[in-house]
Amino acid sequence: MSDDAGQTVSESVWEYPRPPIVVPSREHVVIELDGKVVVDARRSLRVLETSHPPVYYVPRAAIARGLLRPVTGRTWCEFKGSASYFDVVCPSGRVVSRAAWHYPEPAAGFEALEGHVAFYPGRMDRCTVDGETVVAQPGDFYGGWITSRVTGPFKGAPGTLGW
């Protein structure tokens, strides 16, 4: 992402707020799986929280039809509320377990997330933001998207649980 003068903007996750905020984005988000583009979005929402790389939430309309299969079980976020999960089911028959999630009834302050879905970048074959390949946030719980403009250290790696 560039500023109005065309300069690359660098973001430290330690400058992100807590509680997190939801920020609209016009970055080009593409997610690929099994050689197919399964998400192509030019508008998304980024959730920014201290110590975490951004999580991108894409509109349901930007996701290839028939790709998401709801699964049982929920998790709770103290800020966003109750999250529900999806398996990602490819036309090839490949199933990626619990690879995406959403907040069907987000908590107050996070209503913008309704109708949007987040994907774990480490469970997809390739995720890009404005053409740059994303690196997944360390660990298997958080779904942050690390690009060259985001600096850490990032929560999720061994030894960071208590941050």
C-alpha atoms as a PDB file:
ATOM      1  CA  MET A   1       0.000   0.000   0.000  1.00  0.00           C
ATOM      2  CA  SER A   2       1.232   3.477  -0.800  1.00  0.00           C
ATOM      3  CA  ASP A   3       0.379   6.876   0.582  1.00  0.00           C
ATOM      4  CA  ASP A   4      -0.822   9.791  -1.552  1.00  0.00           C
ATOM      5  CA  ALA A   5       2.782  10.581  -2.562  1.00  0.00           C
ATOM      6  CA  GLY A   6       3.355   7.006  -3.782  1.00  0.00           C
ATOM      7  CA  GLN A   7       5.593   6.077  -0.830  1.00  0.00           C
ATOM      8  CA  THR A   8       5.265   2.606   0.693  1.00  0.00           C
ATOM      9  CA  VAL A   9       3.562   2.774   4.077  1.00  0.00           C
ATOM     10  CA  SER A  10       5.065   0.658   6.849  1.00  0.00           C
ATOM     11  CA  GLU A  11       2.906  -0.436   9.772  1.00  0.00           C
ATOM     12  CA  SER A  12       4.119  -1.756  13.109  1.00  0.00           C
ATOM     13  CA  VAL A  13       1.656  -4.138  14.718  1.00  0.00           C
ATOM     14  CA  TRP A  14       2.679  -2.564  18.008  1.00  0.00           C
ATOM     15  CA  GLU A  15       0.983   0.654  16.889  1.00  0.00           C
ATOM     16  CA  TYR A  16      -2.319  -1.140  16.228  1.00  0.00           C
ATOM     17  CA  PRO A  17      -4.926  -0.578  18.965  1.00  0.00           C
ATOM     18  CA  ARG A  18      -6.347  -2.859  21.591  1.00  0.00           C
ATOM     19  CA  PRO A  19      -9.247  -3.396  21.465  1.00  0.00           C
ATOM     20  CA  PRO A  20      -8.910  -3.958  17.717  1.00  0.00           C
ATOM     21  CA  ILE A  21     -10.479  -1.830  15.017  1.00  0.00           C
ATOM     22  CA  VAL A  22     -12.036  -2.628  11.638  1.00  0.00           C
ATOM     23  CA  VAL A  23     -10.629  -0.658   8.709  1.00  0.00           C
ATOM     24  CA  PRO A  24     -11.965  -0.745   5.122  1.00  0.00           C
ATOM     25  CA  SER A  25      -9.393  -1.674   2.479  1.00  0.00           C
ATOM     26  CA  ARG A  26      -9.263  -1.271  -1.292  1.00  0.00           C
ATOM     27  CA  GLU A  27      -6.263  -3.565  -1.615  1.00  0.00           C
ATOM     28  CA  HIS A  28      -6.599  -6.401  -4.126  1.00  0.00           C
ATOM     29  CA  VAL A  29      -6.973  -9.638  -2.135  1.00  0.00           C
ATOM     30  CA  VAL A  30      -6.668 -12.926  -4.027  1.00  0.00           C
ATOM     31  CA  ILE A  31      -6.811 -16.426  -2.546  1.00  0.00           C
ATOM     32  CA  GLU A  32      -5.885 -19.502  -4.576  1.00  0.00           C
ATOM     33  CA  LEU A  33      -6.488 -23.163  -3.867  1.00  0.00           C
ATOM     34  CA  ASP A  34      -5.899 -26.149  -6.149  1.00  0.00           C
ATOM     35  CA  GLY A  35      -4.817 -23.834  -8.962  1.00  0.00           C
ATOM     36  CA  LYS A  36      -8.084 -21.881  -8.873  1.00  0.00           C
ATOM     37  CA  VAL A  37      -8.860 -18.374  -7.695  1.00  0.00           C
ATOM     38  CA  VAL A  38     -11.379 -18.860  -4.909  1.00  0.00           C
ATOM     39  CA  VAL A  39     -11.457 -15.244  -3.723  1.00  0.00           C
ATOM     40  CA  ASP A  40     -10.900 -12.090  -5.748  1.00  0.00           C
ATOM     41  CA  ALA A  41     -11.793  -8.954  -3.810  1.00  0.00           C
ATOM     42  CA  ARG A  42     -10.947  -5.305  -4.334  1.00  0.00           C
ATOM     43  CA  ARG A  43     -12.753  -4.298  -1.173  1.00  0.00           C
ATOM     44  CA  SER A  44     -12.289  -6.008   2.148  1.00  0.00           C
ATOM     45  CA  LEU A  45     -12.046  -5.240   5.831  1.00  0.00           C
ATOM     46  CA  ARG A  46      -8.860  -5.413   7.866  1.00  0.00           C
ATOM     47  CA  VAL A  47      -8.974  -6.089  11.578  1.00  0.00           C
ATOM     48  CA  LEU A  48      -6.002  -4.444  13.280  1.00  0.00           C
ATOM     49  CA  GLU A  49      -5.016  -5.480  16.797  1.00  0.00           C
ATOM     50  CA  THR A  50      -1.873  -4.914  18.857  1.00  0.00           C
ATOM     51  CA  SER A  51       0.810  -7.568  18.194  1.00  0.00           C
ATOM     52  CA  HIS A  52      -1.148  -9.203  15.338  1.00  0.00           C
ATOM     53  CA  PRO A  53      -0.695  -8.838  11.590  1.00  0.00           C
ATOM     54  CA  PRO A  54      -3.922  -7.699   9.886  1.00  0.00           C
ATOM     55  CA  VAL A  55      -6.674 -10.220   9.288  1.00  0.00           C
ATOM     56  CA  TYR A  56      -8.490  -9.672   5.992  1.00  0.00           C
ATOM     57  CA  TYR A  57     -12.241 -10.275   5.885  1.00  0.00           C
ATOM     58  CA  VAL A  58     -13.637 -10.539   2.362  1.00  0.00           C
ATOM     59  CA  PRO A  59     -17.276 -10.099   1.343  1.00  0.00           C
ATOM     60  CA  ARG A  60     -19.160 -13.386   0.828  1.00  0.00           C
ATOM     61  CA  ALA A  61     -19.910 -12.238  -2.744  1.00  0.00           C
ATOM     62  CA  ALA A  62     -16.155 -12.335  -3.542  1.00  0.00           C
ATOM     63  CA  ILE A  63     -15.902 -16.043  -2.639  1.00  0.00           C
ATOM     64  CA  ALA A  64     -16.448 -18.713  -5.290  1.00  0.00           C
ATOM     65  CA  ARG A  65     -19.867 -20.318  -4.835  1.00  0.00           C
ATOM     66  CA  GLY A  66     -20.138 -23.681  -3.147  1.00  0.00           C
ATOM     67  CA  LEU A  67     -16.685 -23.395  -1.602  1.00  0.00           C
ATOM     68  CA  LEU A  68     -17.644 -22.992   2.072  1.00  0.00           C
ATOM     69  CA  ARG A  69     -19.171 -25.763   4.170  1.00  0.00           C
ATOM     70  CA  PRO A  70     -20.230 -24.803   7.712  1.00  0.00           C
ATOM     71  CA  VAL A  71     -18.787 -26.970  10.489  1.00  0.00           C
ATOM     72  CA  THR A  72     -19.744 -27.427  14.121  1.00  0.00           C
ATOM     73  CA  GLY A  73     -17.976 -25.676  16.942  1.00  0.00           C
ATOM     74  CA  ARG A  74     -17.370 -22.056  17.766  1.00  0.00           C
ATOM     75  CA  THR A  75     -14.742 -19.933  19.401  1.00  0.00           C
ATOM     76  CA  TRP A  76     -15.158 -16.749  21.379  1.00  0.00           C
ATOM     77  CA  CYS A  77     -13.349 -13.463  20.867  1.00  0.00           C
ATOM     78  CA  GLU A  78     -13.631 -11.037  23.749  1.00  0.00           C
ATOM     79  CA  PHE A  79     -14.053  -8.210  21.245  1.00  0.00           C
ATOM     80  CA  LYS A  80     -15.806  -9.588  18.141  1.00  0.00           C
ATOM     81  CA  GLY A  81     -18.018 -12.230  19.770  1.00  0.00           C
ATOM     82  CA  SER A  82     -18.789 -15.791  18.654  1.00  0.00           C
ATOM     83  CA  ALA A  83     -16.976 -17.079  15.539  1.00  0.00           C
ATOM     84  CA  SER A  84     -18.261 -19.910  13.343  1.00  0.00           C
ATOM     85  CA  TYR A  85     -16.043 -21.887  10.984  1.00  0.00           C
ATOM     86  CA  PHE A  86     -16.067 -23.333   7.496  1.00  0.00           C
ATOM     87  CA  ASP A  87     -14.301 -26.147   5.750  1.00  0.00           C
ATOM     88  CA  VAL A  88     -13.164 -25.088   2.293  1.00  0.00           C
ATOM     89  CA  VAL A  89     -14.324 -27.683  -0.240  1.00  0.00           C
ATOM     90  CA  CYS A  90     -12.623 -27.624  -3.634  1.00  0.00           C
ATOM     91  CA  PRO A  91     -14.208 -28.874  -6.855  1.00  0.00           C
ATOM     92  CA  SER A  92     -11.331 -31.413  -6.961  1.00  0.00           C
ATOM     93  CA  GLY A  93     -12.732 -32.969  -3.795  1.00  0.00           C
ATOM     94  CA  ARG A  94     -10.003 -31.640  -1.514  1.00  0.00           C
ATOM     95  CA  VAL A  95     -11.333 -30.450   1.846  1.00  0.00           C
ATOM     96  CA  VAL A  96      -9.349 -27.973   3.923  1.00  0.00           C
ATOM     97  CA  SER A  97     -10.652 -28.312   7.464  1.00  0.00           C
ATOM     98  CA  ARG A  98     -11.702 -25.175   9.365  1.00  0.00           C
ATOM     99  CA  ALA A  99      -9.841 -22.949   6.928  1.00  0.00           C
ATOM    100  CA  ALA A 100     -12.183 -19.956   7.179  1.00  0.00           C
ATOM    101  CA  TRP A 101     -14.346 -18.254   9.784  1.00  0.00           C
ATOM    102  CA  HIS A 102     -16.862 -15.481  10.254  1.00  0.00           C
ATOM    103  CA  TYR A 103     -18.904 -13.681  12.875  1.00  0.00           C
ATOM    104  CA  PRO A 104     -22.584 -14.267  12.023  1.00  0.00           C
ATOM    105  CA  GLU A 105     -23.649 -11.816  14.749  1.00  0.00           C
ATOM    106  CA  PRO A 106     -20.624  -9.668  15.554  1.00  0.00           C
ATOM    107  CA  ALA A 107     -20.426  -7.815  18.845  1.00  0.00           C
ATOM    108  CA  ALA A 108     -21.122  -4.102  19.111  1.00  0.00           C
ATOM    109  CA  GLY A 109     -18.448  -2.092  17.356  1.00  0.00           C
ATOM    110  CA  PHE A 110     -17.708  -4.903  14.896  1.00  0.00           C
ATOM    111  CA  GLU A 111     -20.991  -4.953  12.968  1.00  0.00           C
ATOM    112  CA  ALA A 112     -19.109  -4.252   9.728  1.00  0.00           C
ATOM    113  CA  LEU A 113     -17.786  -7.850   9.811  1.00  0.00           C
ATOM    114  CA  GLU A 114     -21.255  -9.265   9.186  1.00  0.00           C
ATOM    115  CA  GLY A 115     -21.354 -10.848   5.742  1.00  0.00           C
ATOM    116  CA  HIS A 116     -17.537 -11.140   5.568  1.00  0.00           C
ATOM    117  CA  VAL A 117     -15.302 -14.203   5.874  1.00  0.00           C
ATOM    118  CA  ALA A 118     -11.643 -14.528   6.906  1.00  0.00           C
ATOM    119  CA  PHE A 119      -9.293 -17.268   5.679  1.00  0.00           C
ATOM    120  CA  TYR A 120      -6.206 -18.717   7.333  1.00  0.00           C
ATOM    121  CA  PRO A 121      -3.521 -17.876   4.771  1.00  0.00           C
ATOM    122  CA  GLY A 122      -1.378 -20.832   5.874  1.00  0.00           C
ATOM    123  CA  ARG A 123      -4.159 -23.261   4.922  1.00  0.00           C
ATOM    124  CA  MET A 124      -4.608 -21.894   1.417  1.00  0.00           C
ATOM    125  CA  ASP A 125      -2.164 -22.510  -1.438  1.00  0.00           C
ATOM    126  CA  ARG A 126      -1.518 -18.814  -2.031  1.00  0.00           C
ATOM    127  CA  CYS A 127      -2.871 -15.534  -0.725  1.00  0.00           C
ATOM    128  CA  THR A 128      -1.843 -12.178  -2.111  1.00  0.00           C
ATOM    129  CA  VAL A 129      -2.423  -8.544  -1.246  1.00  0.00           C
ATOM    130  CA  ASP A 130      -1.858  -6.176  -4.174  1.00  0.00           C
ATOM    131  CA  GLY A 131       0.142  -8.940  -5.867  1.00  0.00           C
ATOM    132  CA  GLU A 132       2.444  -9.650  -2.914  1.00  0.00           C
ATOM    133  CA  THR A 133       2.374 -13.204  -1.542  1.00  0.00           C
ATOM    134  CA  VAL A 134       1.313 -13.261   2.101  1.00  0.00           C
ATOM    135  CA  VAL A 135       3.155 -15.072   4.879  1.00  0.00           C
ATOM    136  CA  ALA A 136       0.886 -16.645   7.498  1.00  0.00           C
ATOM    137  CA  GLN A 137       1.050 -15.452  11.092  1.00  0.00           C
ATOM    138  CA  PRO A 138       2.967 -17.981  13.219  1.00  0.00           C
ATOM    139  CA  GLY A 139       0.971 -20.553  15.174  1.00  0.00           C
ATOM    140  CA  ASP A 140      -2.195 -22.391  14.294  1.00  0.00           C
ATOM    141  CA  PHE A 141      -4.798 -20.210  16.013  1.00  0.00           C
ATOM    142  CA  TYR A 142      -4.399 -16.714  14.610  1.00  0.00           C
ATOM    143  CA  GLY A 143      -5.123 -15.869  10.982  1.00  0.00           C
ATOM    144  CA  GLY A 144      -2.970 -12.797  10.363  1.00  0.00           C
ATOM    145  CA  TRP A 145      -1.597 -11.886   6.933  1.00  0.00           C
ATOM    146  CA  ILE A 146       2.024 -10.728   6.935  1.00  0.00           C
ATOM    147  CA  THR A 147       3.218  -8.561   4.034  1.00  0.00           C
ATOM    148  CA  SER A 148       6.423  -6.566   3.624  1.00  0.00           C
ATOM    149  CA  ARG A 149       4.730  -3.431   4.912  1.00  0.00           C
ATOM    150  CA  VAL A 150       3.827  -4.972   8.289  1.00  0.00           C
ATOM    151  CA  THR A 151       6.488  -5.218  10.984  1.00  0.00           C
ATOM    152  CA  GLY A 152       6.499  -7.281  14.185  1.00  0.00           C
ATOM    153  CA  PRO A 153       7.378  -9.162  16.239  1.00  0.00           C
ATOM    154  CA  PHE A 154       4.072 -10.999  15.902  1.00  0.00           C
ATOM    155  CA  LYS A 155       2.055 -12.900  18.466  1.00  0.00           C
ATOM    156  CA  GLY A 156       1.562 -16.585  17.655  1.00  0.00           C
ATOM    157  CA  ALA A 157       5.076 -17.986  17.685  1.00  0.00           C
ATOM    158  CA  PRO A 158       6.173 -20.215  20.587  1.00  0.00           C
ATOM    159  CA  GLY A 159       6.613 -18.166  23.751  1.00  0.00           C
ATOM    160  CA  THR A 160       4.245 -15.364  22.712  1.00  0.00           C
ATOM    161  CA  LEU A 161       0.954 -16.682  24.090  1.00  0.00           C
ATOM    162  CA  GLY A 162       1.040 -14.377  27.112  1.00  0.00           C
ATOM    163  CA  TRP A 163       1.631 -11.197  25.142  1.00  0.00           C
END
